[in-house]
C-alpha cells in the first residue's frame, strides 16, 4: 500500500476544497446592489469593507458603530468632492496603507504608518562616493557597487514593482564574488510584486523553507477565513549566496517589501538591520461602487512562520537609526553598522 501517495492525494483534495470554498465565498460576499446615490454608494462601500476587509477583528474595529457615525454625515453632503472626502475619512478609520478610494479626481490614502516615524533614509547619502557614487552599475531595478574598499557588496532596490531576471541577480552576485558580505537596502521600498519578493529571496536559502502563511475570506463574517495556507521560499537551484547578507529596513519598507523581509529573517546568513518595517501584511483586492469609484482594501491576512500577523511590521535584529550628525558628515549610520557587522 502506498501510504505516501494517499497522503499526497488527501492534501490535493484539501487544497481543492479550500479553493472551491474561497471561490464560492467570493461570490457570496458580494454586497446587495445599491442605487447610484450618495446613500447607496455609502452603503455599498460600508458593506464591501464589512464583508471583505480582513483586519476588522484583528484591529478591534467596531464597524457597525462607524456606520452609525458616518451615515448621519452623509445627509449633510452637498457635492461629489465633499462626499469623496467623507468616504475617505471613513476608510481612514482602518489605518491601513493598502486601503484607497479611487475616483477620476482623487485617491484617498493613509500614510500614518510611516509619517509618524523617523525616515531613517536619505537618498542623497547613498549617492555619495562612499556608497554608490556616480559610477554605480544598474541591473533592471537594482543599483549596485562595491563599497568599503571593495570588501562589501551594496545593492539598492527601490521598488518590488521593478521586474528582474535570475540573470540580473546572478551577474550582481558574481560581481561581488570577492566581497566578504552583501548589503541589500530596501529602505523606502513601498512594495510591488510578491513574486519578485520570493525570487529575490531564493538565492539566500539552501533548501525550500516555510516562511509564512496566508488566509483567505470564505464568508461574510469578520473572522471567516480559510485554513492557513503555507507560503514557502524555494532555494534557487542555480544561484546561491552563502555569505553574510544584511537587509536594511525602515518604516517605508512596506507590502511586498515587508514580505521580503519576513522571508529573509529566516535565511541562514541574513540579518535585518535598521528600523521596523511599515507592515502591509494584507493581500490587496479591489471592488467597484455604483458610481464607478474603486475601493482597494486588504483582503487576505498574511502571517510569519509562527502565525504572527505581519500587518504591523517586522522588527530588525539590530535597531539602528540614521543619526543627523553622521548624515551631515556624509555617513549613513545604518549602512555603516551593516559594514561593521560584515567586516
Protein backbone atom coordinates (compact mmCIF):
# COMPACT_ATOMS: atom_id res chain seq x y z
CA UNK A 1 0.00 0.00 0.00
CA UNK A 2 1.38 3.41 -0.98
CA UNK A 3 0.74 5.49 2.13
CA UNK A 4 2.70 8.49 0.76
CA UNK A 5 0.53 8.66 -2.34
CA UNK A 6 -2.62 8.56 -0.26
CA UNK A 7 -1.39 11.40 1.91
CA UNK A 8 -0.49 13.40 -1.20
CA UNK A 9 -3.95 12.77 -2.64
CA UNK A 10 -5.56 13.89 0.60
CA UNK A 11 -3.57 17.14 0.50
CA UNK A 12 -4.61 17.72 -3.11
CA UNK A 13 -8.25 17.19 -2.19
CA UNK A 14 -7.89 19.53 0.81
CA UNK A 15 -6.36 22.28 -1.34
CA UNK A 16 -9.09 21.82 -3.94
CA UNK A 17 -11.81 22.07 -1.28
CA UNK A 18 -10.21 25.24 0.12
CA UNK A 19 -10.06 26.73 -3.38
CA UNK A 20 -13.74 25.89 -4.04
CA UNK A 21 -14.74 27.34 -0.67
CA UNK A 22 -12.84 30.55 -1.39
CA UNK A 23 -14.36 30.83 -4.87
CA UNK A 24 -17.87 30.18 -3.53
CA UNK A 25 -17.39 32.64 -0.68
CA UNK A 26 -16.12 35.36 -3.03
CA UNK A 27 -19.45 35.14 -4.87
CA UNK A 28 -21.46 35.06 -1.64
CA UNK A 29 -19.52 38.05 -0.28
CA UNK A 30 -20.81 40.37 -3.00
CA UNK A 31 -22.94 43.05 -1.26
CA UNK A 32 -26.50 43.83 -2.30
CA UNK A 33 -26.54 46.13 -5.33
CA UNK A 34 -27.19 49.70 -4.20
CA UNK A 35 -28.55 52.69 -6.18
CA UNK A 36 -26.13 55.32 -7.51
CA UNK A 37 -26.93 57.89 -4.84
CA UNK A 38 -24.84 59.29 -2.00
CA UNK A 39 -26.66 56.99 0.41
CA UNK A 40 -26.40 53.99 -1.95
CA UNK A 41 -22.68 54.46 -2.54
CA UNK A 42 -22.11 54.88 1.19
CA UNK A 43 -23.94 51.63 1.94
CA UNK A 44 -22.07 49.82 -0.83
CA UNK A 45 -18.67 50.98 0.47
CA UNK A 46 -19.55 50.12 4.06
CA UNK A 47 -20.78 46.64 3.09
CA UNK A 48 -17.70 45.88 0.99
CA UNK A 49 -15.44 46.58 3.96
CA UNK A 50 -17.82 44.81 6.37
CA UNK A 51 -17.82 41.58 4.33
CA UNK A 52 -14.42 41.56 2.63
CA UNK A 53 -11.85 43.53 4.64
CA UNK A 54 -9.69 41.10 6.62
CA UNK A 55 -8.49 43.05 9.67
CA UNK A 56 -11.68 44.32 11.37
CA UNK A 57 -11.48 41.82 14.23
CA UNK A 58 -7.67 41.80 14.36
CA UNK A 59 -7.72 45.60 14.81
CA UNK A 60 -10.74 45.56 17.16
CA UNK A 61 -12.67 47.96 14.92
CA UNK A 62 -16.40 48.40 15.64
CA UNK A 63 -17.52 48.78 12.03
CA UNK A 64 -21.21 48.96 13.00
CA UNK A 65 -20.51 51.98 15.17
CA UNK A 66 -18.60 53.62 12.33
CA UNK A 67 -21.65 53.06 10.10
CA UNK A 68 -23.81 54.96 12.57
CA UNK A 69 -21.39 57.90 12.78
CA UNK A 70 -20.81 58.33 9.04
CA UNK A 71 -24.36 57.54 7.90
CA UNK A 72 -25.54 60.60 9.82
CA UNK A 73 -22.98 62.75 7.99
CA UNK A 74 -23.97 61.51 4.52
CA UNK A 75 -27.21 63.51 4.73
CA UNK A 76 -25.18 66.73 5.02
CA UNK A 77 -23.21 66.12 1.79
CA UNK A 78 -23.61 68.87 -0.82
CA UNK A 79 -21.15 67.86 -3.55
CA UNK A 80 -19.29 64.89 -5.01
CA UNK A 81 -15.99 66.22 -3.63
CA UNK A 82 -17.24 66.51 -0.05
CA UNK A 83 -18.79 63.03 -0.34
CA UNK A 84 -15.46 61.62 -1.54
CA UNK A 85 -13.65 63.25 1.40
CA UNK A 86 -16.23 61.88 3.84
CA UNK A 87 -15.84 58.33 2.48
CA UNK A 88 -12.05 58.73 2.59
CA UNK A 89 -12.33 59.72 6.25
CA UNK A 90 -14.38 56.60 6.96
CA UNK A 91 -11.78 54.38 5.31
CA UNK A 92 -9.07 56.17 7.27
CA UNK A 93 -10.57 54.61 10.40
CA UNK A 94 -8.97 51.35 9.22
CA UNK A 95 -5.44 52.79 9.48
CA UNK A 96 -4.26 50.72 6.54
CA UNK A 97 -1.86 51.77 3.80
CA UNK A 98 -3.45 49.24 1.45
CA UNK A 99 -6.84 50.97 1.64
CA UNK A 100 -7.71 53.54 -1.02
CA UNK A 101 -10.82 55.06 -2.55
CA UNK A 102 -10.08 55.78 -6.21
CA UNK A 103 -12.07 58.27 -8.28
CA UNK A 104 -11.43 60.20 -11.50
CA UNK A 105 -10.31 63.22 -9.49
CA UNK A 106 -8.56 61.91 -6.35
CA UNK A 107 -7.25 58.91 -4.41
CA UNK A 108 -7.73 58.68 -0.65
CA UNK A 109 -4.81 57.24 1.31
CA UNK A 110 -3.46 56.67 4.78
CA UNK A 111 0.21 57.46 5.32
CA UNK A 112 0.32 57.48 9.13
CA UNK A 113 2.08 54.09 9.12
CA UNK A 114 5.29 55.87 8.13
CA UNK A 115 4.74 59.64 8.55
CA UNK A 116 4.68 59.31 12.35
CA UNK A 117 8.16 57.75 12.38
CA UNK A 118 11.71 58.94 11.60
CA UNK A 119 12.56 58.45 7.88
CA UNK A 120 15.94 56.74 8.56
CA UNK A 121 16.82 57.18 4.89
CA UNK A 122 18.41 59.90 2.78
CA UNK A 123 18.65 59.19 -0.95
CA UNK A 124 21.37 61.82 -1.36
CA UNK A 125 23.61 59.95 1.10
CA UNK A 126 23.64 56.66 -0.79
CA UNK A 127 24.74 58.51 -3.93
CA UNK A 128 27.85 59.81 -2.18
CA UNK A 129 31.19 58.43 -3.37
CA UNK A 130 31.41 56.41 -0.14
CA UNK A 131 28.49 54.26 -1.31
CA UNK A 132 27.03 54.13 -4.83
CA UNK A 133 28.89 57.16 -6.13
CA UNK A 134 28.40 58.31 -9.73
CA UNK A 135 29.60 55.18 -11.48
CA UNK A 136 27.36 52.57 -9.91
CA UNK A 137 26.04 49.73 -12.06
CA UNK A 138 22.39 49.15 -12.94
CA UNK A 139 20.69 45.79 -13.48
CA UNK A 140 16.91 46.02 -14.00
CA UNK A 141 15.68 47.92 -10.91
CA UNK A 142 18.89 47.41 -8.92
CA UNK A 143 21.67 49.94 -8.37
CA UNK A 144 24.84 48.32 -7.08
CA UNK A 145 28.51 48.87 -6.30
CA UNK A 146 31.40 47.52 -4.26
CA UNK A 147 31.95 49.62 -1.13
CA UNK A 148 34.19 49.58 1.96
CA UNK A 149 37.38 49.29 -0.12
CA UNK A 150 35.79 46.56 -2.23
CA UNK A 151 35.09 44.28 0.74
CA UNK A 152 31.30 44.69 0.77
CA UNK A 153 28.69 44.48 -1.97
CA UNK A 154 25.90 47.06 -1.84
CA UNK A 155 22.57 46.83 -3.69
CA UNK A 156 19.79 49.41 -3.54
CA UNK A 157 16.37 48.22 -4.71
CA UNK A 158 13.70 50.94 -4.68
CA UNK A 159 10.57 49.04 -5.74
CA UNK A 160 9.38 45.45 -5.98
CA UNK A 161 7.30 46.65 -8.94
CA UNK A 162 10.55 46.60 -10.96
CA UNK A 163 10.84 43.15 -12.51
CA UNK A 164 14.18 41.40 -12.89
CA UNK A 165 15.58 38.09 -14.07
CA UNK A 166 17.74 35.46 -12.43
CA UNK A 167 20.46 36.59 -14.85
CA UNK A 168 20.36 40.07 -13.30
CA UNK A 169 20.78 38.62 -9.81
CA UNK A 170 23.46 36.12 -10.91
CA UNK A 171 25.54 38.87 -12.52
CA UNK A 172 25.39 41.05 -9.40
CA UNK A 173 26.33 38.24 -7.03
CA UNK A 174 29.18 37.21 -9.31
CA UNK A 175 30.36 40.85 -9.34
CA UNK A 176 30.53 40.63 -5.54
CA UNK A 177 32.32 37.25 -5.52
CA UNK A 178 35.42 38.69 -3.82
CA UNK A 179 33.39 40.52 -1.14
CA UNK A 180 33.07 39.32 2.43
CA UNK A 181 29.36 40.05 2.53
CA UNK A 182 26.43 41.76 0.89
CA UNK A 183 24.04 44.57 1.81
CA UNK A 184 20.56 44.74 0.26
CA UNK A 185 18.99 48.11 1.01
CA UNK A 186 15.18 48.12 0.74
CA UNK A 187 14.54 51.29 2.71
CA UNK A 188 11.79 53.45 1.16
CA UNK A 189 10.74 50.47 -0.98
CA UNK A 190 6.96 50.65 -0.86
CA UNK A 191 6.38 47.17 -2.28
CA UNK A 192 5.10 45.69 -5.52
CA UNK A 193 5.05 42.06 -6.61
CA UNK A 194 5.13 39.15 -4.16
CA UNK A 195 6.63 37.05 -6.96
CA UNK A 196 9.61 39.43 -7.07
CA UNK A 197 9.92 39.19 -3.28
CA UNK A 198 10.16 35.42 -3.45
CA UNK A 199 12.53 35.45 -6.42
CA UNK A 200 14.96 37.87 -4.76
CA UNK A 201 14.96 35.87 -1.51
CA UNK A 202 15.54 32.46 -3.12
CA UNK A 203 19.35 32.67 -3.71
CA UNK A 204 19.86 33.06 0.05
CA UNK A 205 18.15 29.78 1.02
CA UNK A 206 19.89 26.40 0.93
CA UNK A 207 16.60 24.46 0.99
CA UNK A 208 12.95 25.26 0.47
CA UNK A 209 11.75 26.86 3.71
CA UNK A 210 8.36 27.57 5.24
CA UNK A 211 8.45 31.35 5.75
CA UNK A 212 4.80 32.25 6.35
CA UNK A 213 1.10 31.62 5.92
CA UNK A 214 -1.86 33.31 4.25
CA UNK A 215 -5.58 33.02 4.88
CA UNK A 216 -8.49 33.88 2.58
CA UNK A 217 -12.01 35.11 3.33
CA UNK A 218 -14.56 32.26 2.98
CA UNK A 219 -17.62 34.06 4.35
CA UNK A 220 -19.11 37.43 5.29
CA UNK A 221 -18.12 37.15 8.96
CA UNK A 222 -15.21 39.31 10.07
CA UNK A 223 -13.24 36.21 11.10
CA UNK A 224 -14.48 33.81 8.40
CA UNK A 225 -11.15 32.63 6.97
CA UNK A 226 -9.81 29.53 5.27
CA UNK A 227 -7.32 27.28 6.99
CA UNK A 228 -3.83 28.86 6.89
CA UNK A 229 -2.06 28.07 3.64
CA UNK A 230 1.71 27.68 3.77
CA UNK A 231 3.93 30.16 1.91
CA UNK A 232 7.35 28.73 1.17
CA UNK A 233 10.55 30.29 -0.12
CA UNK A 234 12.32 27.95 -2.57
CA UNK A 235 16.09 27.63 -2.80
CA UNK A 236 17.34 28.87 -6.15
CA UNK A 237 18.92 25.86 -7.84
CA UNK A 238 21.29 27.91 -10.00
CA UNK A 239 22.21 30.91 -7.84
CA UNK A 240 23.46 30.65 -4.27
CA UNK A 241 24.94 33.24 -1.88
CA UNK A 242 26.03 31.66 1.39
CA UNK A 243 28.00 34.51 2.92
CA UNK A 244 26.61 37.21 5.22
CA UNK A 245 23.77 39.31 3.79
CA UNK A 246 22.43 42.34 5.65
CA UNK A 247 18.94 43.67 4.85
CA UNK A 248 18.43 47.39 5.59
CA UNK A 249 14.88 48.44 6.51
CA UNK A 250 12.85 51.46 7.61
CA UNK A 251 9.17 52.28 8.11
CA UNK A 252 8.67 52.80 4.35
CA UNK A 253 9.62 49.17 3.70
CA UNK A 254 6.03 48.14 3.01
CA UNK A 255 3.79 45.47 1.48
CA UNK A 256 5.87 43.17 -0.79
CA UNK A 257 8.99 44.59 0.87
CA UNK A 258 7.55 43.59 4.22
CA UNK A 259 7.06 40.10 2.75
CA UNK A 260 10.69 40.03 1.52
CA UNK A 261 11.97 40.97 4.98
CA UNK A 262 9.74 38.33 6.55
CA UNK A 263 11.29 35.72 4.26
CA UNK A 264 14.86 36.92 4.71
CA UNK A 265 14.72 36.84 8.51
CA UNK A 266 14.77 33.03 8.11
CA UNK A 267 17.59 32.91 5.54
CA UNK A 268 20.64 31.16 7.10
CA UNK A 269 23.13 34.04 6.80
CA UNK A 270 20.80 37.06 6.82
CA UNK A 271 20.50 39.81 9.43
CA UNK A 272 17.85 42.57 9.42
CA UNK A 273 19.25 45.98 10.39
CA UNK A 274 17.60 49.40 10.67
CA UNK A 275 14.05 50.27 11.71
CA UNK A 276 10.85 48.26 11.99
CA UNK A 277 9.19 47.81 8.61
CA UNK A 278 5.92 49.56 7.81
CA UNK A 279 3.88 46.37 7.57
CA UNK A 280 1.19 45.97 4.94
CA UNK A 281 0.66 42.28 5.57
CA UNK A 282 -2.72 42.04 3.85
CA UNK A 283 -3.05 40.99 0.22
CA UNK A 284 -4.95 43.83 -1.52
CA UNK A 285 -8.08 43.44 -3.62
CA UNK A 286 -10.48 45.91 -5.31
CA UNK A 287 -14.25 46.32 -5.69
CA UNK A 288 -16.37 48.87 -7.54
CA UNK A 289 -19.06 51.20 -6.18
CA UNK A 290 -22.28 52.00 -8.09
CA UNK A 291 -20.82 55.36 -9.23
CA UNK A 292 -17.73 53.69 -10.72
CA UNK A 293 -15.28 54.55 -7.94
CA UNK A 294 -12.96 51.74 -6.88
CA UNK A 295 -12.15 50.76 -3.32
CA UNK A 296 -8.90 48.91 -2.65
CA UNK A 297 -8.56 47.02 0.62
CA UNK A 298 -6.66 44.28 2.42
CA UNK A 299 -8.46 41.01 1.72
CA UNK A 300 -6.17 38.20 2.90
CA UNK A 301 -4.12 38.35 6.13
CA UNK A 302 -0.51 37.20 5.95
CA UNK A 303 1.46 35.72 8.83
CA UNK A 304 5.06 34.79 9.60
CA UNK A 305 6.19 31.21 10.16
CA UNK A 306 4.95 31.39 13.79
CA UNK A 307 1.46 32.53 12.68
CA UNK A 308 2.06 36.09 13.86
CA UNK A 309 0.45 38.79 11.71
CA UNK A 310 2.90 40.82 9.64
CA UNK A 311 0.42 43.69 9.17
CA UNK A 312 2.10 45.81 11.83
CA UNK A 313 5.65 45.38 10.57
CA UNK A 314 8.74 43.32 11.32
CA UNK A 315 11.35 44.24 13.88
CA UNK A 316 15.03 44.25 12.86
CA UNK A 317 17.56 42.16 14.72
CA UNK A 318 19.64 45.30 15.21
CA UNK A 319 17.67 48.53 15.60
CA UNK A 320 19.75 51.40 14.18
CA UNK A 321 18.67 54.98 13.47
CA UNK A 322 20.16 57.36 10.92
CA UNK A 323 21.96 59.99 13.00
CA UNK A 324 21.84 63.54 11.71
CA UNK A 325 25.40 64.15 12.89
CA UNK A 326 26.57 61.26 10.69
CA UNK A 327 24.44 62.43 7.76
CA UNK A 328 25.95 65.91 7.98
CA UNK A 329 29.38 64.31 7.51
CA UNK A 330 28.28 62.15 4.56
CA UNK A 331 27.79 58.92 6.52
CA UNK A 332 24.73 56.69 6.58
CA UNK A 333 24.66 55.28 10.13
CA UNK A 334 22.65 52.21 9.10
CA UNK A 335 24.93 51.29 6.18
CA UNK A 336 27.97 51.79 8.40
CA UNK A 337 26.51 49.39 11.01
CA UNK A 338 25.94 46.82 8.27
CA UNK A 339 29.54 47.19 7.06
CA UNK A 340 30.80 46.67 10.62
CA UNK A 341 28.71 43.51 11.00
CA UNK A 342 30.14 42.08 7.79
CA UNK A 343 33.77 43.04 8.43
